[in-house]
Amino acid sequence: MKKNNYQMVTVNEYVKLLDDEVKYLDSDAKEIRANVEKYLLRVRRAQTNAKILEALLA
């Protein structure tokens, strides 16, 4: 059985890796970074909205 040497990376760790890079080899990396940042922003907004809703219903 063949073993693959893959490394598991969370989205947050991936964004940090992108932040550490000074140069981008292509525009795809910039687009991926922008999309990941948008996704994380949406997640934070959803968490904030959930907390507000819980406070209103309490």
C-alpha atoms as a PDB file:
ATOM      1  CA  MET A   1       0.000   0.000   0.000  1.00  0.00           C
ATOM      2  CA  LYS A   2       1.384   3.387  -1.024  1.00  0.00           C
ATOM      3  CA  LYS A   3       1.674   6.094   1.606  1.00  0.00           C
ATOM      4  CA  ASN A   4       1.040   9.687   0.629  1.00  0.00           C
ATOM      5  CA  ASN A   5       2.833  12.423   2.492  1.00  0.00           C
ATOM      6  CA  TYR A   6       0.047  14.945   2.784  1.00  0.00           C
ATOM      7  CA  GLN A   7      -0.055  17.619   5.430  1.00  0.00           C
ATOM      8  CA  MET A   8      -3.360  18.663   6.975  1.00  0.00           C
ATOM      9  CA  VAL A   9      -3.794  22.431   7.170  1.00  0.00           C
ATOM     10  CA  THR A  10      -6.722  24.359   8.595  1.00  0.00           C
ATOM     11  CA  VAL A  11      -8.124  27.358   6.754  1.00  0.00           C
ATOM     12  CA  ASN A  12      -6.753  29.684   9.419  1.00  0.00           C
ATOM     13  CA  GLU A  13      -3.264  28.179   9.116  1.00  0.00           C
ATOM     14  CA  TYR A  14      -3.492  28.459   5.334  1.00  0.00           C
ATOM     15  CA  VAL A  15      -4.272  32.178   5.544  1.00  0.00           C
ATOM     16  CA  LYS A  16      -1.331  32.651   7.909  1.00  0.00           C
ATOM     17  CA  LEU A  17       0.908  30.860   5.408  1.00  0.00           C
ATOM     18  CA  LEU A  18      -0.320  33.179   2.677  1.00  0.00           C
ATOM     19  CA  ASP A  19       0.368  36.202   4.889  1.00  0.00           C
ATOM     20  CA  ASP A  20       3.957  35.061   5.388  1.00  0.00           C
ATOM     21  CA  GLU A  21       4.606  34.945   1.649  1.00  0.00           C
ATOM     22  CA  VAL A  22       6.018  38.131   0.211  1.00  0.00           C
ATOM     23  CA  LYS A  23       5.681  37.240  -3.461  1.00  0.00           C
ATOM     24  CA  TYR A  24       2.879  35.616  -5.360  1.00  0.00           C
ATOM     25  CA  LEU A  25       3.784  33.456  -8.307  1.00  0.00           C
ATOM     26  CA  ASP A  26       0.442  33.913  -9.994  1.00  0.00           C
ATOM     27  CA  SER A  27      -2.881  35.667  -9.639  1.00  0.00           C
ATOM     28  CA  ASP A  28      -4.558  32.413  -8.560  1.00  0.00           C
ATOM     29  CA  ALA A  29      -2.855  32.606  -5.161  1.00  0.00           C
ATOM     30  CA  LYS A  30      -4.134  36.153  -4.694  1.00  0.00           C
ATOM     31  CA  GLU A  31      -7.643  35.087  -5.654  1.00  0.00           C
ATOM     32  CA  ILE A  32      -7.554  32.098  -3.298  1.00  0.00           C
ATOM     33  CA  ARG A  33      -6.338  34.295  -0.460  1.00  0.00           C
ATOM     34  CA  ALA A  34      -9.079  36.853  -1.087  1.00  0.00           C
ATOM     35  CA  ASN A  35     -11.742  34.132  -1.157  1.00  0.00           C
ATOM     36  CA  VAL A  36     -10.467  32.557   2.061  1.00  0.00           C
ATOM     37  CA  GLU A  37     -10.467  35.945   3.776  1.00  0.00           C
ATOM     38  CA  LYS A  38     -14.042  36.597   2.593  1.00  0.00           C
ATOM     39  CA  TYR A  39     -15.100  33.176   3.886  1.00  0.00           C
ATOM     40  CA  LEU A  40     -13.521  33.794   7.301  1.00  0.00           C
ATOM     41  CA  LEU A  41     -15.180  37.206   7.502  1.00  0.00           C
ATOM     42  CA  ARG A  42     -18.572  35.626   6.769  1.00  0.00           C
ATOM     43  CA  VAL A  43     -17.981  33.010   9.464  1.00  0.00           C
ATOM     44  CA  ARG A  44     -17.134  35.695  12.036  1.00  0.00           C
ATOM     45  CA  ARG A  45     -20.245  37.673  11.064  1.00  0.00           C
ATOM     46  CA  ALA A  46     -22.412  34.570  11.402  1.00  0.00           C
ATOM     47  CA  GLN A  47     -20.968  33.871  14.861  1.00  0.00           C
ATOM     48  CA  THR A  48     -21.591  37.465  15.916  1.00  0.00           C
ATOM     49  CA  ASN A  49     -25.157  37.339  14.599  1.00  0.00           C
ATOM     50  CA  ALA A  50     -25.768  34.081  16.473  1.00  0.00           C
ATOM     51  CA  LYS A  51     -24.546  35.648  19.728  1.00  0.00           C
ATOM     52  CA  ILE A  52     -26.770  38.699  19.187  1.00  0.00           C
ATOM     53  CA  LEU A  53     -29.773  36.475  18.494  1.00  0.00           C
ATOM     54  CA  GLU A  54     -29.094  34.407  21.617  1.00  0.00           C
ATOM     55  CA  ALA A  55     -28.898  37.588  23.688  1.00  0.00           C
ATOM     56  CA  LEU A  56     -32.162  38.873  22.251  1.00  0.00           C
ATOM     57  CA  LEU A  57     -33.957  35.590  22.911  1.00  0.00           C
ATOM     58  CA  ALA A  58     -32.596  35.183  26.430  1.00  0.00           C
END
